[in-house]
C-alpha cells in the first residue's frame, strides 16, 4: 500500500440491503474524486443458492426462473444503474469474510469499503463480527461507512498512540483527504494518574506528551500545508470515552485508526471490549494496517 497515493482500485462489499446504500454512495464518491475504478461485489452463501434453486426446480421448464445467482446479479446491476454509478459488479458464492478478502485480493484492491447497521442491535452484533474479522485480516485499508455521503469528507480525525501504525495512518489521511480539516487526537493516562480519583497528569507530563506529539508529526513528514494546518488535541482520559464525544461535538465525519502489532490503537481496542471505537463512533471509520 502506498499511503501517499489515493486508491485507484476501490472494492465495495454489498449485501443488497438498505444499510449498504450509504456505503455504496460513499464508495462511488471516492472513486470519482480519486479518478479510480470501483468494483461492487455481493457475497452469497452456497447453501442459500442451492436452497433457492431447489425451490425453483419443480416448476415447468417454460416458466422456470433463472438461477438465484443470476437474480442477485441482476438486482445488483439494477441498483447501480438506478444510482447512476459506474462500477464493475459481480456475485461471488462463498463465506462472507473469505470471499470478500479473496475477491479484493484478486482485484488488487487498494481500499475495501463496507457498510454496517447503525441502529439495529442484533444486526450490528452479527455484521460487527464480520467487520472485525475483515479489519484484522485485510492487507489494505478498510473503510466502514455509517453516515450518508453529502460530499467529500470535511473533518478527518486521526486517533493516535504515537506508534508506527498511527504514523502511517496520519500520513495516509494527509495525502488522501487533502481538502479536509485534519485533527490529530491523543488521549492519555500517565502512570500513577487515576480517572476515578481525579488525580490528573502533572504539568511536566502534559509538556512531555506535547513534545512527543511534535516529534511524531515531524517524523511523519507530512506535506507542508497539511502539517501547518494540523489541529492537535491532547486530552487526559481514555479514547473510548473521549473520542466519541469529540466526534459528536466537533462535526467529525471520518476517524482514521492505525492497526498492527501490540501498540496499534485499533488492534488493542478491536475485540477487547463489548463496545469499541469501530462500533460506537457516530461517523465513518478507516482502519489502516501497518505495511
C-alpha atoms as a PDB file:
ATOM      1  CA  UNK A   1       0.000   0.000   0.000  1.00  0.00           C
ATOM      2  CA  UNK A   2       1.236   3.490  -0.896  1.00  0.00           C
ATOM      3  CA  UNK A   3      -0.234   5.872   1.666  1.00  0.00           C
ATOM      4  CA  UNK A   4       0.802   8.936  -0.353  1.00  0.00           C
ATOM      5  CA  UNK A   5      -1.360   7.991  -3.360  1.00  0.00           C
ATOM      6  CA  UNK A   6      -5.166   7.832  -3.116  1.00  0.00           C
ATOM      7  CA  UNK A   7      -6.633   4.412  -4.023  1.00  0.00           C
ATOM      8  CA  UNK A   8      -7.160   3.704  -7.699  1.00  0.00           C
ATOM      9  CA  UNK A   9      -8.953   0.370  -7.177  1.00  0.00           C
ATOM     10  CA  UNK A  10     -11.834   0.595  -4.706  1.00  0.00           C
ATOM     11  CA  UNK A  11     -13.641  -2.594  -3.686  1.00  0.00           C
ATOM     12  CA  UNK A  12     -17.086  -2.429  -2.098  1.00  0.00           C
ATOM     13  CA  UNK A  13     -18.802  -5.408  -0.425  1.00  0.00           C
ATOM     14  CA  UNK A  14     -22.571  -5.105  -0.775  1.00  0.00           C
ATOM     15  CA  UNK A  15     -25.253  -7.278   0.842  1.00  0.00           C
ATOM     16  CA  UNK A  16     -28.086  -5.642  -1.197  1.00  0.00           C
ATOM     17  CA  UNK A  17     -29.665  -4.273   1.992  1.00  0.00           C
ATOM     18  CA  UNK A  18     -30.644  -0.681   2.723  1.00  0.00           C
ATOM     19  CA  UNK A  19     -27.763  -0.309   5.174  1.00  0.00           C
ATOM     20  CA  UNK A  20     -25.291  -0.677   2.301  1.00  0.00           C
ATOM     21  CA  UNK A  21     -26.772   2.174   0.261  1.00  0.00           C
ATOM     22  CA  UNK A  22     -24.713   4.736   2.169  1.00  0.00           C
ATOM     23  CA  UNK A  23     -21.531   2.716   1.758  1.00  0.00           C
ATOM     24  CA  UNK A  24     -22.204   2.395  -1.964  1.00  0.00           C
ATOM     25  CA  UNK A  25     -22.722   6.145  -2.312  1.00  0.00           C
ATOM     26  CA  UNK A  26     -19.504   6.870  -0.402  1.00  0.00           C
ATOM     27  CA  UNK A  27     -17.511   4.363  -2.449  1.00  0.00           C
ATOM     28  CA  UNK A  28     -18.793   5.967  -5.648  1.00  0.00           C
ATOM     29  CA  UNK A  29     -17.961   9.471  -4.358  1.00  0.00           C
ATOM     30  CA  UNK A  30     -14.400   8.447  -3.504  1.00  0.00           C
ATOM     31  CA  UNK A  31     -13.892   6.662  -6.823  1.00  0.00           C
ATOM     32  CA  UNK A  32     -14.999   9.773  -8.677  1.00  0.00           C
ATOM     33  CA  UNK A  33     -12.894  12.138  -6.530  1.00  0.00           C
ATOM     34  CA  UNK A  34      -9.778   9.977  -6.903  1.00  0.00           C
ATOM     35  CA  UNK A  35     -10.432   9.029 -10.554  1.00  0.00           C
ATOM     36  CA  UNK A  36     -10.380   5.389  -9.506  1.00  0.00           C
ATOM     37  CA  UNK A  37     -12.143   2.202 -10.542  1.00  0.00           C
ATOM     38  CA  UNK A  38     -14.998   0.873  -8.398  1.00  0.00           C
ATOM     39  CA  UNK A  39     -15.878  -2.816  -8.100  1.00  0.00           C
ATOM     40  CA  UNK A  40     -19.035  -3.843  -6.227  1.00  0.00           C
ATOM     41  CA  UNK A  41     -19.362  -7.453  -5.078  1.00  0.00           C
ATOM     42  CA  UNK A  42     -22.226  -9.277  -3.389  1.00  0.00           C
ATOM     43  CA  UNK A  43     -21.300 -12.437  -1.492  1.00  0.00           C
ATOM     44  CA  UNK A  44     -23.918 -15.162  -1.104  1.00  0.00           C
ATOM     45  CA  UNK A  45     -23.555 -18.478   0.723  1.00  0.00           C
ATOM     46  CA  UNK A  46     -23.650 -21.627  -1.392  1.00  0.00           C
ATOM     47  CA  UNK A  47     -26.387 -23.090   0.842  1.00  0.00           C
ATOM     48  CA  UNK A  48     -28.664 -20.134   0.080  1.00  0.00           C
ATOM     49  CA  UNK A  49     -28.129 -20.501  -3.675  1.00  0.00           C
ATOM     50  CA  UNK A  50     -28.783 -24.233  -3.519  1.00  0.00           C
ATOM     51  CA  UNK A  51     -31.943 -23.794  -1.441  1.00  0.00           C
ATOM     52  CA  UNK A  52     -33.379 -21.115  -3.734  1.00  0.00           C
ATOM     53  CA  UNK A  53     -32.586 -23.108  -6.874  1.00  0.00           C
ATOM     54  CA  UNK A  54     -34.075 -26.251  -5.351  1.00  0.00           C
ATOM     55  CA  UNK A  55     -37.371 -24.454  -4.713  1.00  0.00           C
ATOM     56  CA  UNK A  56     -37.497 -23.311  -8.317  1.00  0.00           C
ATOM     57  CA  UNK A  57     -36.549 -26.681  -9.825  1.00  0.00           C
ATOM     58  CA  UNK A  58     -40.064 -28.082  -9.574  1.00  0.00           C
ATOM     59  CA  UNK A  59     -41.576 -25.503 -11.924  1.00  0.00           C
ATOM     60  CA  UNK A  60     -42.280 -26.429 -15.569  1.00  0.00           C
ATOM     61  CA  UNK A  61     -39.397 -25.676 -17.910  1.00  0.00           C
ATOM     62  CA  UNK A  62     -41.282 -22.897 -19.711  1.00  0.00           C
ATOM     63  CA  UNK A  63     -41.620 -20.836 -16.523  1.00  0.00           C
ATOM     64  CA  UNK A  64     -38.613 -21.977 -14.568  1.00  0.00           C
ATOM     65  CA  UNK A  65     -36.881 -18.882 -13.196  1.00  0.00           C
ATOM     66  CA  UNK A  66     -33.243 -18.011 -13.605  1.00  0.00           C
ATOM     67  CA  UNK A  67     -30.735 -19.247 -11.030  1.00  0.00           C
ATOM     68  CA  UNK A  68     -30.583 -17.350  -7.736  1.00  0.00           C
ATOM     69  CA  UNK A  69     -27.083 -16.092  -8.548  1.00  0.00           C
ATOM     70  CA  UNK A  70     -28.359 -14.577 -11.793  1.00  0.00           C
ATOM     71  CA  UNK A  71     -31.247 -12.944  -9.921  1.00  0.00           C
ATOM     72  CA  UNK A  72     -28.821 -11.354  -7.484  1.00  0.00           C
ATOM     73  CA  UNK A  73     -26.536 -10.175 -10.279  1.00  0.00           C
ATOM     74  CA  UNK A  74     -29.486  -8.524 -11.996  1.00  0.00           C
ATOM     75  CA  UNK A  75     -30.557  -6.828  -8.761  1.00  0.00           C
ATOM     76  CA  UNK A  76     -27.024  -5.563  -8.175  1.00  0.00           C
ATOM     77  CA  UNK A  77     -26.771  -4.119 -11.689  1.00  0.00           C
ATOM     78  CA  UNK A  78     -30.191  -2.504 -11.295  1.00  0.00           C
ATOM     79  CA  UNK A  79     -29.142  -0.812  -8.029  1.00  0.00           C
ATOM     80  CA  UNK A  80     -26.036   0.625  -9.664  1.00  0.00           C
ATOM     81  CA  UNK A  81     -27.958   1.813 -12.704  1.00  0.00           C
ATOM     82  CA  UNK A  82     -30.645   3.456 -10.548  1.00  0.00           C
ATOM     83  CA  UNK A  83     -27.991   5.459  -8.700  1.00  0.00           C
ATOM     84  CA  UNK A  84     -26.091   6.306 -11.866  1.00  0.00           C
ATOM     85  CA  UNK A  85     -22.949   4.634 -10.510  1.00  0.00           C
ATOM     86  CA  UNK A  86     -20.322   3.447 -12.956  1.00  0.00           C
ATOM     87  CA  UNK A  87     -18.859   0.263 -11.495  1.00  0.00           C
ATOM     88  CA  UNK A  88     -17.965  -3.317 -12.253  1.00  0.00           C
ATOM     89  CA  UNK A  89     -20.259  -5.717 -10.394  1.00  0.00           C
ATOM     90  CA  UNK A  90     -20.433  -9.436  -9.712  1.00  0.00           C
ATOM     91  CA  UNK A  91     -21.858 -12.032  -7.339  1.00  0.00           C
ATOM     92  CA  UNK A  92     -19.486 -14.379  -5.507  1.00  0.00           C
ATOM     93  CA  UNK A  93     -20.564 -17.629  -3.836  1.00  0.00           C
ATOM     94  CA  UNK A  94     -18.795 -18.436  -0.568  1.00  0.00           C
ATOM     95  CA  UNK A  95     -18.385 -17.464   3.085  1.00  0.00           C
ATOM     96  CA  UNK A  96     -18.586 -13.705   3.575  1.00  0.00           C
ATOM     97  CA  UNK A  97     -15.185 -12.970   5.091  1.00  0.00           C
ATOM     98  CA  UNK A  98     -13.106 -15.317   2.951  1.00  0.00           C
ATOM     99  CA  UNK A  99     -14.926 -14.389  -0.252  1.00  0.00           C
ATOM    100  CA  UNK A 100     -14.573 -10.652   0.343  1.00  0.00           C
ATOM    101  CA  UNK A 101     -10.875 -10.906   1.127  1.00  0.00           C
ATOM    102  CA  UNK A 102     -10.164 -13.216  -1.810  1.00  0.00           C
ATOM    103  CA  UNK A 103     -12.165 -11.102  -4.242  1.00  0.00           C
ATOM    104  CA  UNK A 104     -10.450  -7.925  -3.060  1.00  0.00           C
ATOM    105  CA  UNK A 105      -7.060  -9.607  -3.466  1.00  0.00           C
ATOM    106  CA  UNK A 106      -7.962 -10.853  -6.952  1.00  0.00           C
ATOM    107  CA  UNK A 107      -8.826  -7.273  -7.916  1.00  0.00           C
ATOM    108  CA  UNK A 108      -5.610  -5.896  -6.356  1.00  0.00           C
ATOM    109  CA  UNK A 109      -7.844  -3.550  -4.396  1.00  0.00           C
ATOM    110  CA  UNK A 110      -6.304  -0.531  -2.645  1.00  0.00           C
ATOM    111  CA  UNK A 111      -9.310   0.050  -0.382  1.00  0.00           C
ATOM    112  CA  UNK A 112     -12.199  -2.089   0.895  1.00  0.00           C
ATOM    113  CA  UNK A 113     -15.487  -0.308   1.683  1.00  0.00           C
ATOM    114  CA  UNK A 114     -18.097  -1.841   3.992  1.00  0.00           C
ATOM    115  CA  UNK A 115     -21.455  -0.843   5.434  1.00  0.00           C
ATOM    116  CA  UNK A 116     -22.667  -1.586   8.970  1.00  0.00           C
ATOM    117  CA  UNK A 117     -26.075  -1.341  10.614  1.00  0.00           C
ATOM    118  CA  UNK A 118     -26.170   1.687  12.912  1.00  0.00           C
ATOM    119  CA  UNK A 119     -29.300   1.177  14.954  1.00  0.00           C
ATOM    120  CA  UNK A 120     -30.447  -2.448  14.691  1.00  0.00           C
ATOM    121  CA  UNK A 121     -28.596  -4.044  17.589  1.00  0.00           C
ATOM    122  CA  UNK A 122     -28.906  -7.675  16.533  1.00  0.00           C
ATOM    123  CA  UNK A 123     -27.763  -6.837  13.001  1.00  0.00           C
ATOM    124  CA  UNK A 124     -24.880  -4.848  14.431  1.00  0.00           C
ATOM    125  CA  UNK A 125     -23.706  -7.802  16.513  1.00  0.00           C
ATOM    126  CA  UNK A 126     -23.829 -10.185  13.553  1.00  0.00           C
ATOM    127  CA  UNK A 127     -22.305  -7.827  10.993  1.00  0.00           C
ATOM    128  CA  UNK A 128     -19.886  -6.458  13.565  1.00  0.00           C
ATOM    129  CA  UNK A 129     -18.271  -9.866  13.841  1.00  0.00           C
ATOM    130  CA  UNK A 130     -17.739  -9.904  10.064  1.00  0.00           C
ATOM    131  CA  UNK A 131     -16.404  -6.344  10.062  1.00  0.00           C
ATOM    132  CA  UNK A 132     -13.987  -7.056  12.905  1.00  0.00           C
ATOM    133  CA  UNK A 133     -12.624 -10.102  11.112  1.00  0.00           C
ATOM    134  CA  UNK A 134     -12.238  -8.255   7.827  1.00  0.00           C
ATOM    135  CA  UNK A 135     -10.423  -5.389   9.545  1.00  0.00           C
ATOM    136  CA  UNK A 136      -7.996  -7.752  11.232  1.00  0.00           C
ATOM    137  CA  UNK A 137      -7.262  -9.810   8.118  1.00  0.00           C
ATOM    138  CA  UNK A 138      -7.364  -7.249   5.319  1.00  0.00           C
ATOM    139  CA  UNK A 139      -3.979  -6.228   3.938  1.00  0.00           C
ATOM    140  CA  UNK A 140      -5.406  -2.933   2.647  1.00  0.00           C
ATOM    141  CA  UNK A 141      -7.295  -0.168   4.481  1.00  0.00           C
ATOM    142  CA  UNK A 142     -10.931  -0.876   5.358  1.00  0.00           C
ATOM    143  CA  UNK A 143     -13.485   1.945   5.332  1.00  0.00           C
ATOM    144  CA  UNK A 144     -16.569   1.251   7.398  1.00  0.00           C
ATOM    145  CA  UNK A 145     -19.384   3.609   6.376  1.00  0.00           C
ATOM    146  CA  UNK A 146     -22.131   4.680   8.768  1.00  0.00           C
ATOM    147  CA  UNK A 147     -23.337   8.051   7.538  1.00  0.00           C
ATOM    148  CA  UNK A 148     -24.844   9.433   4.366  1.00  0.00           C
ATOM    149  CA  UNK A 149     -22.323  10.825   1.877  1.00  0.00           C
ATOM    150  CA  UNK A 150     -23.107  14.535   1.486  1.00  0.00           C
ATOM    151  CA  UNK A 151     -19.932  15.293  -0.396  1.00  0.00           C
ATOM    152  CA  UNK A 152     -16.256  14.890   0.406  1.00  0.00           C
ATOM    153  CA  UNK A 153     -15.165  14.338   4.000  1.00  0.00           C
ATOM    154  CA  UNK A 154     -14.887  17.708   5.732  1.00  0.00           C
ATOM    155  CA  UNK A 155     -13.309  16.909   9.113  1.00  0.00           C
ATOM    156  CA  UNK A 156     -10.962  13.925   9.432  1.00  0.00           C
ATOM    157  CA  UNK A 157      -9.526  12.837  12.790  1.00  0.00           C
ATOM    158  CA  UNK A 158      -6.519  10.550  13.170  1.00  0.00           C
ATOM    159  CA  UNK A 159      -6.609   8.794  16.557  1.00  0.00           C
ATOM    160  CA  UNK A 160      -3.023   8.242  17.600  1.00  0.00           C
ATOM    161  CA  UNK A 161      -0.969   6.487  20.266  1.00  0.00           C
ATOM    162  CA  UNK A 162       2.241   7.775  18.613  1.00  0.00           C
ATOM    163  CA  UNK A 163       3.051   4.289  17.309  1.00  0.00           C
ATOM    164  CA  UNK A 164       4.350   3.494  13.835  1.00  0.00           C
ATOM    165  CA  UNK A 165       0.912   2.265  12.644  1.00  0.00           C
ATOM    166  CA  UNK A 166      -0.624   5.528  13.857  1.00  0.00           C
ATOM    167  CA  UNK A 167       2.042   7.491  11.984  1.00  0.00           C
ATOM    168  CA  UNK A 168       1.218   5.604   8.797  1.00  0.00           C
ATOM    169  CA  UNK A 169      -2.461   6.415   9.345  1.00  0.00           C
ATOM    170  CA  UNK A 170      -1.586  10.107   9.734  1.00  0.00           C
ATOM    171  CA  UNK A 171       0.418  10.140   6.504  1.00  0.00           C
ATOM    172  CA  UNK A 172      -2.403   8.405   4.665  1.00  0.00           C
ATOM    173  CA  UNK A 173      -5.042  10.839   5.936  1.00  0.00           C
ATOM    174  CA  UNK A 174      -2.936  13.852   4.962  1.00  0.00           C
ATOM    175  CA  UNK A 175      -2.443  12.594   1.399  1.00  0.00           C
ATOM    176  CA  UNK A 176      -5.851  11.039   0.746  1.00  0.00           C
ATOM    177  CA  UNK A 177      -8.088  13.799   2.166  1.00  0.00           C
ATOM    178  CA  UNK A 178      -6.255  16.960   1.141  1.00  0.00           C
ATOM    179  CA  UNK A 179      -9.316  19.214   1.211  1.00  0.00           C
ATOM    180  CA  UNK A 180     -10.470  18.237   4.706  1.00  0.00           C
ATOM    181  CA  UNK A 181      -9.732  19.731   8.094  1.00  0.00           C
ATOM    182  CA  UNK A 182      -7.266  17.332   9.754  1.00  0.00           C
ATOM    183  CA  UNK A 183      -7.050  16.737  13.518  1.00  0.00           C
ATOM    184  CA  UNK A 184      -4.599  14.553  15.436  1.00  0.00           C
ATOM    185  CA  UNK A 185      -6.280  13.166  18.580  1.00  0.00           C
ATOM    186  CA  UNK A 186      -4.423  11.608  21.512  1.00  0.00           C
ATOM    187  CA  UNK A 187      -5.941  10.519  24.835  1.00  0.00           C
ATOM    188  CA  UNK A 188      -3.574   9.513  27.626  1.00  0.00           C
ATOM    189  CA  UNK A 189      -3.429   8.402  31.267  1.00  0.00           C
ATOM    190  CA  UNK A 190       0.071   8.769  32.777  1.00  0.00           C
ATOM    191  CA  UNK A 191       1.333   6.165  35.265  1.00  0.00           C
ATOM    192  CA  UNK A 192       0.032   6.977  38.718  1.00  0.00           C
ATOM    193  CA  UNK A 193      -2.900   9.003  37.444  1.00  0.00           C
ATOM    194  CA  UNK A 194      -6.478   7.963  38.073  1.00  0.00           C
ATOM    195  CA  UNK A 195      -9.698   8.913  36.334  1.00  0.00           C
ATOM    196  CA  UNK A 196     -11.778   7.843  39.328  1.00  0.00           C
ATOM    197  CA  UNK A 197      -9.792   9.682  41.993  1.00  0.00           C
ATOM    198  CA  UNK A 198      -9.429  12.858  39.999  1.00  0.00           C
ATOM    199  CA  UNK A 199      -5.658  12.621  40.046  1.00  0.00           C
ATOM    200  CA  UNK A 200      -4.666  14.076  36.702  1.00  0.00           C
ATOM    201  CA  UNK A 201      -1.351  14.474  34.926  1.00  0.00           C
ATOM    202  CA  UNK A 202       1.232  16.954  36.105  1.00  0.00           C
ATOM    203  CA  UNK A 203       2.263  19.980  34.069  1.00  0.00           C
ATOM    204  CA  UNK A 204       5.549  18.297  33.214  1.00  0.00           C
ATOM    205  CA  UNK A 205       3.735  15.221  31.907  1.00  0.00           C
ATOM    206  CA  UNK A 206       1.474  17.337  29.717  1.00  0.00           C
ATOM    207  CA  UNK A 207       4.555  19.052  28.328  1.00  0.00           C
ATOM    208  CA  UNK A 208       6.168  15.669  27.654  1.00  0.00           C
ATOM    209  CA  UNK A 209       3.073  14.488  25.753  1.00  0.00           C
ATOM    210  CA  UNK A 210       3.066  17.691  23.700  1.00  0.00           C
ATOM    211  CA  UNK A 211       6.733  17.159  22.846  1.00  0.00           C
ATOM    212  CA  UNK A 212       6.076  13.548  21.892  1.00  0.00           C
ATOM    213  CA  UNK A 213       3.271  14.710  19.621  1.00  0.00           C
ATOM    214  CA  UNK A 214       5.523  17.303  17.978  1.00  0.00           C
ATOM    215  CA  UNK A 215       8.213  14.687  17.318  1.00  0.00           C
ATOM    216  CA  UNK A 216       5.599  12.291  15.938  1.00  0.00           C
ATOM    217  CA  UNK A 217       4.320  14.888  13.469  1.00  0.00           C
ATOM    218  CA  UNK A 218       7.821  15.885  12.386  1.00  0.00           C
ATOM    219  CA  UNK A 219       8.809  12.268  11.783  1.00  0.00           C
ATOM    220  CA  UNK A 220       5.654  11.702   9.703  1.00  0.00           C
ATOM    221  CA  UNK A 221       6.987  14.169   7.102  1.00  0.00           C
ATOM    222  CA  UNK A 222       3.564  15.436   6.085  1.00  0.00           C
ATOM    223  CA  UNK A 223       3.053  17.824   3.192  1.00  0.00           C
ATOM    224  CA  UNK A 224       3.863  21.313   4.463  1.00  0.00           C
ATOM    225  CA  UNK A 225       0.316  22.700   4.061  1.00  0.00           C
ATOM    226  CA  UNK A 226      -1.122  19.705   5.963  1.00  0.00           C
ATOM    227  CA  UNK A 227       1.394  19.996   8.793  1.00  0.00           C
ATOM    228  CA  UNK A 228       0.826  23.734   9.137  1.00  0.00           C
ATOM    229  CA  UNK A 229      -2.957  23.341   9.303  1.00  0.00           C
ATOM    230  CA  UNK A 230      -2.954  20.224  11.527  1.00  0.00           C
ATOM    231  CA  UNK A 231      -5.040  20.588  14.693  1.00  0.00           C
ATOM    232  CA  UNK A 232      -3.716  18.724  17.741  1.00  0.00           C
ATOM    233  CA  UNK A 233      -5.978  17.560  20.564  1.00  0.00           C
ATOM    234  CA  UNK A 234      -4.185  16.076  23.595  1.00  0.00           C
ATOM    235  CA  UNK A 235      -6.535  15.129  26.420  1.00  0.00           C
ATOM    236  CA  UNK A 236      -6.292  13.300  29.732  1.00  0.00           C
ATOM    237  CA  UNK A 237      -8.541  10.217  29.623  1.00  0.00           C
ATOM    238  CA  UNK A 238      -9.324   7.158  27.527  1.00  0.00           C
ATOM    239  CA  UNK A 239     -10.041   7.206  23.767  1.00  0.00           C
ATOM    240  CA  UNK A 240     -13.151   5.051  24.250  1.00  0.00           C
ATOM    241  CA  UNK A 241     -14.666   7.819  26.407  1.00  0.00           C
ATOM    242  CA  UNK A 242     -13.282  10.998  24.873  1.00  0.00           C
ATOM    243  CA  UNK A 243     -13.202  10.301  21.143  1.00  0.00           C
ATOM    244  CA  UNK A 244     -16.943   9.573  20.631  1.00  0.00           C
ATOM    245  CA  UNK A 245     -17.775  12.831  22.437  1.00  0.00           C
ATOM    246  CA  UNK A 246     -15.251  14.771  20.349  1.00  0.00           C
ATOM    247  CA  UNK A 247     -16.656  13.264  17.147  1.00  0.00           C
ATOM    248  CA  UNK A 248     -20.155  14.418  18.045  1.00  0.00           C
ATOM    249  CA  UNK A 249     -19.218  17.929  19.179  1.00  0.00           C
ATOM    250  CA  UNK A 250     -16.572  18.753  16.571  1.00  0.00           C
ATOM    251  CA  UNK A 251     -18.508  17.692  13.484  1.00  0.00           C
ATOM    252  CA  UNK A 252     -16.139  14.832  12.640  1.00  0.00           C
ATOM    253  CA  UNK A 253     -17.232  12.677   9.706  1.00  0.00           C
ATOM    254  CA  UNK A 254     -14.244  10.301   9.469  1.00  0.00           C
ATOM    255  CA  UNK A 255     -11.872   8.794  12.044  1.00  0.00           C
ATOM    256  CA  UNK A 256      -8.691   7.077  10.852  1.00  0.00           C
ATOM    257  CA  UNK A 257      -7.132   4.351  13.026  1.00  0.00           C
ATOM    258  CA  UNK A 258      -3.784   2.612  12.649  1.00  0.00           C
ATOM    259  CA  UNK A 259      -3.766  -1.116  13.412  1.00  0.00           C
ATOM    260  CA  UNK A 260      -0.916  -3.611  13.665  1.00  0.00           C
ATOM    261  CA  UNK A 261       1.173  -5.108  16.440  1.00  0.00           C
ATOM    262  CA  UNK A 262       0.679  -4.773  20.166  1.00  0.00           C
ATOM    263  CA  UNK A 263       0.773  -0.996  20.223  1.00  0.00           C
ATOM    264  CA  UNK A 264      -1.687  -0.383  17.391  1.00  0.00           C
ATOM    265  CA  UNK A 265      -4.669   1.569  18.717  1.00  0.00           C
ATOM    266  CA  UNK A 266      -7.337  -0.211  16.687  1.00  0.00           C
ATOM    267  CA  UNK A 267      -5.732  -3.625  17.254  1.00  0.00           C
ATOM    268  CA  UNK A 268      -5.763  -3.011  21.013  1.00  0.00           C
ATOM    269  CA  UNK A 269      -9.405  -1.949  21.023  1.00  0.00           C
ATOM    270  CA  UNK A 270     -10.934  -4.327  18.480  1.00  0.00           C
ATOM    271  CA  UNK A 271     -12.401  -7.279  20.308  1.00  0.00           C
ATOM    272  CA  UNK A 272     -11.157  -6.102  23.705  1.00  0.00           C
ATOM    273  CA  UNK A 273     -14.425  -4.507  24.841  1.00  0.00           C
ATOM    274  CA  UNK A 274     -18.085  -5.139  24.091  1.00  0.00           C
ATOM    275  CA  UNK A 275     -18.437  -1.629  22.667  1.00  0.00           C
ATOM    276  CA  UNK A 276     -15.302  -0.359  20.926  1.00  0.00           C
ATOM    277  CA  UNK A 277     -14.493   2.547  18.690  1.00  0.00           C
ATOM    278  CA  UNK A 278     -15.261   0.775  15.446  1.00  0.00           C
ATOM    279  CA  UNK A 279     -18.854   0.217  16.556  1.00  0.00           C
ATOM    280  CA  UNK A 280     -19.527   3.223  18.801  1.00  0.00           C
ATOM    281  CA  UNK A 281     -18.156   6.167  16.864  1.00  0.00           C
ATOM    282  CA  UNK A 282     -21.010   8.038  15.217  1.00  0.00           C
ATOM    283  CA  UNK A 283     -19.078   8.551  11.994  1.00  0.00           C
ATOM    284  CA  UNK A 284     -17.235   6.612   9.307  1.00  0.00           C
ATOM    285  CA  UNK A 285     -14.022   4.825  10.308  1.00  0.00           C
ATOM    286  CA  UNK A 286     -10.984   3.966   8.204  1.00  0.00           C
ATOM    287  CA  UNK A 287      -8.702   1.287   9.660  1.00  0.00           C
ATOM    288  CA  UNK A 288      -5.176   1.219   8.246  1.00  0.00           C
ATOM    289  CA  UNK A 289      -2.885  -1.751   8.764  1.00  0.00           C
ATOM    290  CA  UNK A 290       0.816  -1.182   9.087  1.00  0.00           C
ATOM    291  CA  UNK A 291       2.599  -2.418   5.969  1.00  0.00           C
END
